[in-house]
Protein backbone atom coordinates (compact mmCIF):
# COMPACT_ATOMS: atom_id res chain seq x y z
CA UNK A 1 0.08 0.07 -0.08
CA UNK A 2 2.54 2.66 1.18
CA UNK A 3 4.85 2.66 -1.72
CA UNK A 4 1.93 2.67 -4.31
CA UNK A 5 0.71 5.78 -2.52
CA UNK A 6 4.11 7.26 -2.17
CA UNK A 7 4.93 7.00 -5.78
CA UNK A 8 1.79 9.25 -6.69
CA UNK A 9 2.34 12.88 -7.93
CA UNK A 10 3.00 15.22 -6.34
CA UNK A 11 5.14 13.14 -4.32
CA UNK A 12 5.89 15.80 -1.48
CA UNK A 13 1.90 15.90 -0.83
CA UNK A 14 1.26 12.08 -1.11
CA UNK A 15 4.43 11.17 1.10
CA UNK A 16 3.40 13.35 3.84
CA UNK A 17 -0.35 11.88 3.52
CA UNK A 18 1.12 8.50 3.99
CA UNK A 19 3.19 9.27 6.79
CA UNK A 20 0.07 10.98 8.48
CA UNK A 21 -2.25 8.10 7.53
CA UNK A 22 0.21 5.74 9.44
CA UNK A 23 -0.70 7.41 12.73
CA UNK A 24 -4.10 6.65 14.38
CA UNK A 25 -6.01 9.85 14.63
CA UNK A 26 -9.88 9.53 15.52
CA UNK A 27 -11.44 12.47 16.82
CA UNK A 28 -10.96 13.17 20.74
CA UNK A 29 -7.96 10.71 20.64
CA UNK A 30 -5.47 12.91 18.83
CA UNK A 31 -2.56 12.38 21.34
CA UNK A 32 -0.55 10.22 19.07
CA UNK A 33 -0.81 12.55 15.99
CA UNK A 34 -0.25 15.71 18.27
CA UNK A 35 3.20 14.05 19.26
CA UNK A 36 3.84 13.34 15.58
CA UNK A 37 3.26 16.80 14.52
CA UNK A 38 5.41 18.21 17.23
CA UNK A 39 8.13 15.90 16.40
CA UNK A 40 7.91 16.84 12.73
CA UNK A 41 8.27 20.53 13.43
CA UNK A 42 11.10 20.23 15.90
CA UNK A 43 12.97 17.99 13.53
CA UNK A 44 12.82 20.76 10.76
CA UNK A 45 14.36 22.94 13.44
CA UNK A 46 11.17 25.13 13.31
CA UNK A 47 9.43 26.85 16.14
CA UNK A 48 6.87 24.36 17.39
CA UNK A 49 4.36 24.41 20.26
CA UNK A 50 0.90 23.39 21.42
CA UNK A 51 -1.69 25.75 22.97
CA UNK A 52 -3.73 25.03 26.13
CA UNK A 53 -6.25 22.81 24.24
CA UNK A 54 -3.35 21.02 22.35
CA UNK A 55 -3.61 22.58 18.76
CA UNK A 56 -0.21 22.49 17.32
CA UNK A 57 1.37 25.55 15.88
CA UNK A 58 4.59 25.61 13.79
CA UNK A 59 6.27 28.68 12.66
CA UNK A 60 8.42 28.87 9.53
CA UNK A 61 10.04 32.24 8.28
CA UNK A 62 9.51 33.86 4.98
CA UNK A 63 11.62 32.40 2.25
CA UNK A 64 14.30 35.18 0.79
CA UNK A 65 12.58 38.00 -1.21
CA UNK A 66 9.17 37.29 0.48
CA UNK A 67 9.71 39.03 3.80
CA UNK A 68 7.61 42.02 2.85
CA UNK A 69 4.52 39.99 2.12
CA UNK A 70 1.63 39.50 4.75
CA UNK A 71 2.34 36.71 6.99
CA UNK A 72 -0.27 33.78 6.56
CA UNK A 73 -1.89 31.17 8.73
CA UNK A 74 -2.19 27.76 6.92
CA UNK A 75 -4.81 25.73 8.75
CA UNK A 76 -6.15 22.10 8.87
CA UNK A 77 -7.59 19.71 11.38
CA UNK A 78 -5.84 16.74 12.77
CA UNK A 79 -8.58 14.37 13.61
CA UNK A 80 -10.52 12.12 11.17
CA UNK A 81 -13.88 10.58 11.16
CA UNK A 82 -13.74 7.04 12.17
CA UNK A 83 -16.27 4.99 10.19
CA UNK A 84 -16.10 1.45 8.80
CA UNK A 85 -18.30 -1.01 7.16
CA UNK A 86 -19.94 -3.53 9.54
CA UNK A 87 -17.98 -6.46 7.93
CA UNK A 88 -14.77 -4.67 8.23
CA UNK A 89 -12.30 -5.64 10.94
CA UNK A 90 -10.35 -2.54 11.92
CA UNK A 91 -9.23 -0.63 15.03
CA UNK A 92 -9.05 3.26 14.52
CA UNK A 93 -7.29 3.36 18.07
CA UNK A 94 -4.55 1.27 16.95
CA UNK A 95 -4.10 0.95 13.24
CA UNK A 96 -3.13 3.28 10.26
CA UNK A 97 -5.26 3.67 7.27
CA UNK A 98 -4.95 0.80 4.70
CA UNK A 99 -5.05 2.85 1.38
CA UNK A 100 -4.92 1.68 -2.33
CA UNK A 101 -5.26 3.26 -5.58
CA UNK A 102 -8.40 2.64 -7.88
CA UNK A 103 -8.12 4.48 -11.06
CA UNK A 104 -7.85 8.22 -10.48
CA UNK A 105 -8.90 7.74 -6.70
CA UNK A 106 -7.35 6.84 -3.52
CA UNK A 107 -9.42 4.90 -1.24
CA UNK A 108 -9.38 3.05 2.01
CA UNK A 109 -10.15 -0.68 2.56
CA UNK A 110 -13.60 -0.73 4.47
CA UNK A 111 -13.07 2.50 6.20
CA UNK A 112 -12.99 6.22 5.97
CA UNK A 113 -9.84 7.60 4.24
CA UNK A 114 -8.97 10.62 6.20
CA UNK A 115 -8.49 12.79 3.37
CA UNK A 116 -10.73 15.12 5.15
CA UNK A 117 -8.56 16.89 6.27
CA UNK A 118 -5.38 14.75 5.97
CA UNK A 119 -4.64 15.86 2.44
CA UNK A 120 -4.93 19.57 3.72
CA UNK A 121 -2.57 18.77 6.70
CA UNK A 122 -0.20 16.96 4.46
CA UNK A 123 0.11 19.93 1.97
CA UNK A 124 0.95 22.14 4.94
CA UNK A 125 3.49 19.72 6.14
CA UNK A 126 5.06 19.70 2.53
CA UNK A 127 5.34 23.52 2.48
CA UNK A 128 7.06 23.50 6.10
CA UNK A 129 9.48 20.71 4.94
CA UNK A 130 10.19 22.32 1.55
CA UNK A 131 13.42 24.11 0.57
CA UNK A 132 12.49 25.53 -2.86
CA UNK A 133 9.03 26.94 -2.65
CA UNK A 134 8.57 30.75 -2.24
CA UNK A 135 6.19 31.76 0.50
CA UNK A 136 5.75 34.43 3.28
CA UNK A 137 6.09 33.98 6.87
CA UNK A 138 3.89 31.02 7.85
CA UNK A 139 2.03 29.90 10.81
CA UNK A 140 0.86 26.18 10.44
CA UNK A 141 -2.17 25.85 12.67
CA UNK A 142 -3.20 22.13 13.11
CA UNK A 143 -6.48 21.98 15.15
CA UNK A 144 -7.92 19.13 17.20
CA UNK A 145 -11.38 17.70 17.25
CA UNK A 146 -12.96 19.55 14.40
CA UNK A 147 -15.10 16.49 13.56
CA UNK A 148 -16.96 16.09 16.85
CA UNK A 149 -17.06 19.43 18.43
CA UNK A 150 -14.79 22.14 16.87
CA UNK A 151 -13.01 21.94 20.14
CA UNK A 152 -9.64 23.11 18.89
CA UNK A 153 -10.93 26.02 17.10
CA UNK A 154 -13.29 27.02 19.80
CA UNK A 155 -10.60 27.07 22.43
CA UNK A 156 -7.94 28.76 20.45
CA UNK A 157 -7.32 31.94 22.23
CA UNK A 158 -6.78 35.38 20.79
CA UNK A 159 -3.27 36.81 20.54
CA UNK A 160 -1.46 33.50 19.69
CA UNK A 161 -1.52 33.74 15.86
CA UNK A 162 0.28 36.72 14.17
CA UNK A 163 -0.73 36.04 10.47
CA UNK A 164 -3.12 38.40 8.70
CA UNK A 165 -4.30 35.93 5.96
CA UNK A 166 -5.75 32.60 6.83
CA UNK A 167 -5.61 29.57 4.15
CA UNK A 168 -7.97 26.82 5.18
CA UNK A 169 -7.36 23.55 3.37
CA UNK A 170 -10.64 21.91 4.14
CA UNK A 171 -12.83 22.50 1.09
CA UNK A 172 -13.60 19.14 -0.91
CA UNK A 173 -14.23 20.34 -4.53
CA UNK A 174 -11.29 21.59 -6.36
CA UNK A 175 -13.19 24.27 -8.45
CA UNK A 176 -14.73 25.87 -5.40
CA UNK A 177 -13.40 28.83 -3.20
CA UNK A 178 -15.21 28.96 0.01
CA UNK A 179 -15.98 32.29 1.50
CA UNK A 180 -18.65 31.35 4.15
CA UNK A 181 -20.15 28.17 5.85
CA UNK A 182 -22.61 27.07 8.20
CA UNK A 183 -22.82 26.96 12.10
CA UNK A 184 -24.13 24.10 14.10
CA UNK A 185 -25.44 22.90 17.37
CA UNK A 186 -25.82 19.42 18.73
CA UNK A 187 -29.40 18.62 20.06
CA UNK A 188 -29.44 15.84 22.37
CA UNK A 189 -32.70 14.17 23.68
CA UNK A 190 -32.60 11.64 26.54
CA UNK A 191 -34.93 9.80 28.83
CA UNK A 192 -35.51 6.64 30.73
CA UNK A 193 -38.28 3.97 30.36
CA UNK A 194 -39.65 1.14 32.30
CA UNK A 195 -38.45 -2.34 31.21
CA UNK A 196 -41.19 -4.96 31.12
CA UNK A 197 -40.93 -8.93 30.76
CA UNK A 198 -41.54 -10.10 27.37
CA UNK A 199 -45.02 -11.54 27.17
CA UNK A 200 -45.62 -15.18 26.79
CA UNK A 201 -46.62 -16.16 23.31
CA UNK A 202 -44.19 -13.83 21.55
CA UNK A 203 -41.84 -14.15 18.62
CA UNK A 204 -38.45 -12.28 18.40
CA UNK A 205 -37.26 -10.79 15.27
CA UNK A 206 -34.22 -8.54 14.26
CA UNK A 207 -34.70 -5.74 11.97
CA UNK A 208 -31.53 -4.48 9.78
CA UNK A 209 -31.32 -1.42 7.67
CA UNK A 210 -27.96 -1.43 5.74
CA UNK A 211 -26.41 -0.62 2.58
CA UNK A 212 -27.01 3.08 2.57
CA UNK A 213 -24.47 5.42 1.15
CA UNK A 214 -24.39 7.73 4.12
CA UNK A 215 -22.08 10.76 3.78
CA UNK A 216 -21.39 14.16 5.33
CA UNK A 217 -24.39 15.54 7.12
CA UNK A 218 -24.05 19.03 5.65
CA UNK A 219 -22.31 18.65 2.28
CA UNK A 220 -24.53 15.65 1.35
CA UNK A 221 -27.76 16.53 3.27
CA UNK A 222 -29.56 17.91 0.16
CA UNK A 223 -29.05 14.75 -2.13
CA UNK A 224 -32.10 12.80 -0.90
CA UNK A 225 -30.18 10.11 0.70
CA UNK A 226 -31.67 7.63 3.12
CA UNK A 227 -31.39 8.03 6.78
CA UNK A 228 -31.26 4.66 8.49
CA UNK A 229 -32.83 6.01 11.73
CA UNK A 230 -35.74 7.48 9.98
CA UNK A 231 -36.23 4.35 7.75
CA UNK A 232 -36.01 2.02 10.95
CA UNK A 233 -38.61 4.23 12.72
CA UNK A 234 -41.08 3.85 9.78
CA UNK A 235 -40.69 0.16 9.98
CA UNK A 236 -41.15 0.02 13.88
CA UNK A 237 -44.19 2.50 13.58
CA UNK A 238 -46.00 0.17 11.09
CA UNK A 239 -45.38 -2.81 13.07
CA UNK A 240 -46.65 -1.15 16.22
CA UNK A 241 -49.70 0.33 14.86
CA UNK A 242 -50.83 -2.88 12.84
CA UNK A 243 -49.38 -5.62 14.98
CA UNK A 244 -48.63 -4.35 18.63
CA UNK A 245 -44.83 -4.62 17.84
CA UNK A 246 -42.63 -4.12 21.04
CA UNK A 247 -39.15 -2.80 21.12
CA UNK A 248 -36.31 -4.35 22.99
CA UNK A 249 -33.27 -2.52 21.56
CA UNK A 250 -32.50 -0.06 18.95
CA UNK A 251 -28.90 0.92 17.61
CA UNK A 252 -28.72 3.12 14.66
CA UNK A 253 -26.14 5.56 13.34
CA UNK A 254 -22.81 6.59 14.78
CA UNK A 255 -21.46 10.13 14.52
CA UNK A 256 -23.29 13.28 14.49
CA UNK A 257 -21.79 14.54 11.38
CA UNK A 258 -22.39 11.55 9.31
CA UNK A 259 -25.77 10.54 7.66
CA UNK A 260 -26.46 7.28 9.25
CA UNK A 261 -26.14 4.13 7.10
CA UNK A 262 -27.16 1.50 9.29
CA UNK A 263 -29.68 0.52 12.12
CA UNK A 264 -30.45 -2.71 14.01
CA UNK A 265 -33.59 -3.16 16.34
CA UNK A 266 -34.66 -6.38 18.28
CA UNK A 267 -38.44 -6.45 18.59
CA UNK A 268 -41.09 -8.86 19.52
CA UNK A 269 -44.59 -9.65 17.86
CA UNK A 270 -47.37 -11.82 19.33
CA UNK A 271 -47.15 -15.29 17.84
CA UNK A 272 -50.85 -14.79 16.42
CA UNK A 273 -49.77 -12.06 14.16
CA UNK A 274 -46.38 -13.63 13.10
CA UNK A 275 -47.24 -14.66 9.49
CA UNK A 276 -49.26 -11.46 8.80
CA UNK A 277 -46.53 -9.28 10.31
CA UNK A 278 -43.85 -10.85 7.91
CA UNK A 279 -46.16 -10.37 4.94
CA UNK A 280 -46.96 -6.75 5.87
CA UNK A 281 -43.37 -5.79 6.23
CA UNK A 282 -42.51 -7.13 2.85
CA UNK A 283 -44.92 -4.73 1.34
CA UNK A 284 -43.47 -1.70 3.47
CA UNK A 285 -40.03 -2.85 2.53
CA UNK A 286 -40.80 -2.82 -1.14
CA UNK A 287 -42.33 0.77 -0.77
CA UNK A 288 -39.34 2.04 0.85
CA UNK A 289 -36.88 0.48 -1.58
CA UNK A 290 -38.95 1.87 -4.46
CA UNK A 291 -38.82 5.35 -3.08
CA UNK A 292 -34.92 5.07 -2.55
CA UNK A 293 -34.26 3.07 -5.76
CA UNK A 294 -32.36 5.95 -7.45
CA UNK A 295 -30.42 7.49 -4.64
CA UNK A 296 -29.81 4.22 -2.47
CA UNK A 297 -29.78 1.39 -4.93
CA UNK A 298 -27.88 -0.95 -2.42
CA UNK A 299 -30.35 -0.46 0.51
CA UNK A 300 -31.00 -3.63 2.37
CA UNK A 301 -33.80 -4.13 5.01
CA UNK A 302 -33.86 -7.55 6.51
CA UNK A 303 -36.62 -8.88 9.01
CA UNK A 304 -35.18 -12.14 10.63
CA UNK A 305 -36.43 -14.39 13.34
CA UNK A 306 -33.95 -14.31 16.29
CA UNK A 307 -33.69 -15.23 20.07
CA UNK A 308 -36.78 -13.81 22.12
CA UNK A 309 -35.34 -10.94 24.30
CA UNK A 310 -36.00 -11.15 28.01
CA UNK A 311 -37.49 -7.41 28.17
CA UNK A 312 -39.13 -4.86 26.21
CA UNK A 313 -39.99 -1.24 26.46
CA UNK A 314 -43.28 -0.11 28.15
CA UNK A 315 -45.76 0.62 25.44
CA UNK A 316 -46.47 4.24 26.47
CA UNK A 317 -42.94 5.50 26.15
CA UNK A 318 -42.63 3.35 23.04
CA UNK A 319 -45.57 5.11 21.36
CA UNK A 320 -44.20 8.44 22.41
CA UNK A 321 -40.67 7.51 20.78
CA UNK A 322 -41.92 6.56 17.55
CA UNK A 323 -44.34 9.39 16.93
CA UNK A 324 -41.71 11.95 18.06
CA UNK A 325 -39.14 10.62 15.63
CA UNK A 326 -41.68 10.43 12.89
CA UNK A 327 -42.24 14.17 13.61
CA UNK A 328 -38.81 15.36 14.25
CA UNK A 329 -37.52 17.04 11.05
CA UNK A 330 -34.59 15.29 9.15
CA UNK A 331 -32.81 16.70 6.16
CA UNK A 332 -33.12 20.17 4.48
CA UNK A 333 -35.27 22.71 6.42
CA UNK A 334 -34.57 25.66 4.24
CA UNK A 335 -32.69 26.82 1.19
CA UNK A 336 -30.66 30.09 1.08
CA UNK A 337 -32.61 33.00 -0.45
CA UNK A 338 -29.42 34.72 -1.07
CA UNK A 339 -27.22 32.12 -2.71
CA UNK A 340 -28.47 29.74 -5.27
CA UNK A 341 -28.26 25.93 -4.32
CA UNK A 342 -27.12 26.61 -1.00
CA UNK A 343 -28.84 24.71 1.94
CA UNK A 344 -29.36 27.29 4.64
CA UNK A 345 -30.75 25.24 7.50
CA UNK A 346 -30.87 21.26 8.03
CA UNK A 347 -30.93 18.60 10.56
CA UNK A 348 -29.32 15.02 10.83
CA UNK A 349 -31.08 12.56 13.06
CA UNK A 350 -27.62 10.92 13.51
CA UNK A 351 -27.84 8.28 16.39
CA UNK A 352 -30.87 6.74 18.18
CA UNK A 353 -30.06 4.29 20.99
CA UNK A 354 -32.79 2.32 23.16
CA UNK A 355 -31.18 -0.03 25.48
CA UNK A 356 -31.25 -0.89 29.23
CA UNK A 357 -33.97 1.47 30.18
CA UNK A 358 -32.43 4.54 28.43
CA UNK A 359 -33.15 6.35 25.35
CA UNK A 360 -30.70 8.69 23.43
CA UNK A 361 -31.30 10.78 20.32
CA UNK A 362 -28.54 12.68 18.96
CA UNK A 363 -28.96 15.45 16.21
CA UNK A 364 -26.80 17.89 14.40
CA UNK A 365 -28.72 21.06 13.33
CA UNK A 366 -26.72 23.28 10.85
CA UNK A 367 -27.61 26.73 9.50
CA UNK A 368 -25.66 29.70 8.14
CA UNK A 369 -28.27 31.96 9.83
CA UNK A 370 -27.93 31.86 13.59
CA UNK A 371 -31.66 32.57 14.25
CA UNK A 372 -32.74 29.82 11.70
CA UNK A 373 -30.37 27.28 13.54
CA UNK A 374 -31.99 27.78 16.78
CA UNK A 375 -35.45 27.76 15.17
CA UNK A 376 -35.18 24.25 13.90
CA UNK A 377 -33.29 23.22 17.09
CA UNK A 378 -36.38 24.38 19.13
CA UNK A 379 -38.62 22.63 16.81
CA UNK A 380 -36.77 19.34 17.50
CA UNK A 381 -36.83 20.10 21.19
CA UNK A 382 -40.63 20.38 21.19
CA UNK A 383 -40.95 17.12 19.53
CA UNK A 384 -38.81 15.12 21.94
CA UNK A 385 -39.93 17.09 24.96
CA UNK A 386 -43.73 16.06 23.90
CA UNK A 387 -42.83 12.59 24.96
CA UNK A 388 -40.91 13.34 28.15
CA UNK A 389 -37.40 13.81 27.04
CA UNK A 390 -34.85 16.12 28.47
CA UNK A 391 -33.27 18.04 25.66
CA UNK A 392 -29.88 19.83 25.67
CA UNK A 393 -28.28 22.10 23.18
CA UNK A 394 -24.48 21.71 23.15
CA UNK A 395 -21.40 22.46 21.07
CA UNK A 396 -22.94 25.39 19.36
CA UNK A 397 -20.55 27.10 16.95
CA UNK A 398 -21.04 30.21 14.59
CA UNK A 399 -21.15 30.30 10.75
CA UNK A 400 -18.77 32.20 8.74
CA UNK A 401 -20.16 35.25 7.17
CA UNK A 402 -18.91 35.77 3.35
CA UNK A 403 -16.66 38.74 2.89
CA UNK A 404 -17.10 39.54 -1.13
CA UNK A 405 -14.45 42.34 -0.88
CA UNK A 406 -11.66 39.78 0.60
CA UNK A 407 -8.18 40.81 -0.85
CA UNK A 408 -7.06 37.20 -0.83
CA UNK A 409 -10.32 36.19 -2.69
CA UNK A 410 -9.24 38.35 -5.80
CA UNK A 411 -5.76 36.76 -5.81
CA UNK A 412 -7.23 33.19 -5.62
CA UNK A 413 -9.96 34.03 -8.41
CA UNK A 414 -7.16 35.67 -10.74
CA UNK A 415 -4.71 32.63 -10.16
CA UNK A 416 -7.43 30.06 -10.86
CA UNK A 417 -8.61 31.65 -13.89
CA UNK A 418 -5.13 32.06 -15.35
CA UNK A 419 -4.31 28.38 -14.60
CA UNK A 420 -7.66 26.67 -15.63
CA UNK A 421 -9.08 28.92 -18.15
CA UNK A 422 -12.30 29.41 -16.31
CA UNK A 423 -13.64 31.16 -13.18
CA UNK A 424 -13.89 28.98 -9.91
CA UNK A 425 -17.19 28.71 -8.19
CA UNK A 426 -17.03 31.07 -5.22
CA UNK A 427 -19.48 29.62 -2.68
CA UNK A 428 -20.41 29.37 0.80
CA UNK A 429 -20.83 25.78 1.98
CA UNK A 430 -23.43 24.01 4.20
CA UNK A 431 -20.59 22.47 6.59
CA UNK A 432 -18.87 23.58 9.71
CA UNK A 433 -15.44 24.87 8.48
CA UNK A 434 -13.44 26.33 11.51
CA UNK A 435 -13.05 29.71 9.81
CA UNK A 436 -16.11 31.24 11.30
CA UNK A 437 -15.00 30.03 14.76
CA UNK A 438 -11.43 31.45 14.34
CA UNK A 439 -12.88 34.67 13.16
CA UNK A 440 -14.32 35.45 16.61
CA UNK A 441 -10.97 35.90 18.20
CA UNK A 442 -9.10 36.99 15.02
CA UNK A 443 -11.78 39.49 13.54
CA UNK A 444 -9.24 41.09 11.16
CA UNK A 445 -7.97 38.15 9.55
CA UNK A 446 -8.83 37.71 5.95
CA UNK A 447 -9.92 34.09 5.56
CA UNK A 448 -10.48 31.83 2.57
CA UNK A 449 -10.93 27.91 2.07
CA UNK A 450 -9.81 25.55 -0.74
CA UNK A 451 -8.74 22.08 -1.25
CA UNK A 452 -8.68 19.10 -3.62
CA UNK A 453 -11.62 16.90 -4.80
CA UNK A 454 -12.69 14.46 -2.03
CA UNK A 455 -16.07 12.59 -2.45
CA UNK A 456 -17.98 10.47 0.14
CA UNK A 457 -16.38 12.22 3.15
CA UNK A 458 -17.28 10.77 6.58
CA UNK A 459 -18.30 7.49 5.02
CA UNK A 460 -16.27 4.41 4.02
CA UNK A 461 -16.67 5.35 0.50
CA UNK A 462 -14.42 8.40 1.06
CA UNK A 463 -12.05 8.83 -1.83
CA UNK A 464 -9.90 11.51 -3.03
CA UNK A 465 -8.79 12.39 -6.61
CA UNK A 466 -5.18 12.03 -7.76
CA UNK A 467 -5.68 14.50 -10.69
CA UNK A 468 -7.37 16.88 -8.42
CA UNK A 469 -4.49 16.77 -5.98
CA UNK A 470 -2.13 17.72 -8.73
CA UNK A 471 -4.34 20.71 -9.58
CA UNK A 472 -4.63 21.75 -6.03
CA UNK A 473 -0.91 21.59 -5.41
CA UNK A 474 -0.25 23.81 -8.42
CA UNK A 475 -2.87 26.30 -7.27
CA UNK A 476 -1.50 26.30 -3.83
CA UNK A 477 2.11 27.12 -4.67
CA UNK A 478 1.04 29.91 -7.03
CA UNK A 479 -1.06 31.47 -4.09
CA UNK A 480 1.98 31.26 -1.65
CA UNK A 481 3.95 33.06 -4.26
CA UNK A 482 1.43 35.73 -4.84
CA UNK A 483 0.45 36.74 -1.13
CA UNK A 484 -0.24 40.54 -0.93
CA UNK A 485 2.41 42.90 0.42
CA UNK A 486 2.14 44.24 3.80
């Protein structure tokens, strides 16, 4: 694997990516990659330190002749989303990513690739190590825990960074330049329930929803993809209303920022309804598959007999759970009136857990408009509170307001047009870039985001384009050589 990746062009970029992907770096477990980055910086003889929250900062002086240019911050996040297919045996805490080349794409075997944001981090590392690339004074900012809380960006204090321009390398389409992004808030609903003994004369079933594409809960939320938690709830609701189905356990989804691909529920049905229930479920399954035949051709829904669980939920709470999840909004809530094709506000019902007397429903609500973000969050809160949940809002972070008069934006647009013969798409994205958060403590910093093409981020289908990495690298080098003067 490693040599195949290391032979790709540009070698400086792909070699650093191979080095980085050999280090386990799931979100909230960045200790090893922090030490890796610090050792990297000190080995180059560069000023290297970490702040109180453990973001890593490496400073490199301007190359000869570039001292009169504005100092810049090059920024990427160290952590990666840790998602794998159910049939993949992999330990994100101990193993490096197993990569391979598939035509123009670099992929991982059964797991996320970590190109989000590993390719951006690798590009910064390659610039820091370079001896023949012209650039102004650089502060490389490597933040932690971007994927599950923006913790590094939220806790970076003012006064640490000296740069006047920030280049964020976390955009995932090479023809886009991002000048704005959505904010987000975690909406978490919890409550207990009484456990009842399984009635006599019952039959146990396991319901499985799998084969969905998943994806980024911001960038892919408008694509009409299936949400495993919503599909599962629909199956459970039908079984409950028509056959008195009772739930023993539910385990659906994983991370807040990933559209859930899989869900498993253990349920019971009265033996007298056994045959009718299976017949009815096949009709419901066929309906769902027909609805998703274009966007989710690999969707599988299995209804299989299984061991009878010892206990089930009490029916009152179960009915409230199913009705509230049916009512809770998932997907696009509102499109932007100001930017064409931009999602303004959305929600992802990311994780549903029912087990041992406890219910947990985890959502990630996003919006580029702060008031709209909390409008939808309160709509969700109302749906969950109606059946007795306690609802908390956490991890709220602001969006990034576009600055169409940005000096660095003009530089990037001109370079892109010169290199590619066409203008880039200047956009705001429906995802949580760290620029908006960093801007709260560094309000005068001119910020921009760009990067190589990465598809399927936050899912095991994540892949990075090799040709795009070459285009991105050429673009980046020209930008560094054309940073405005002080």
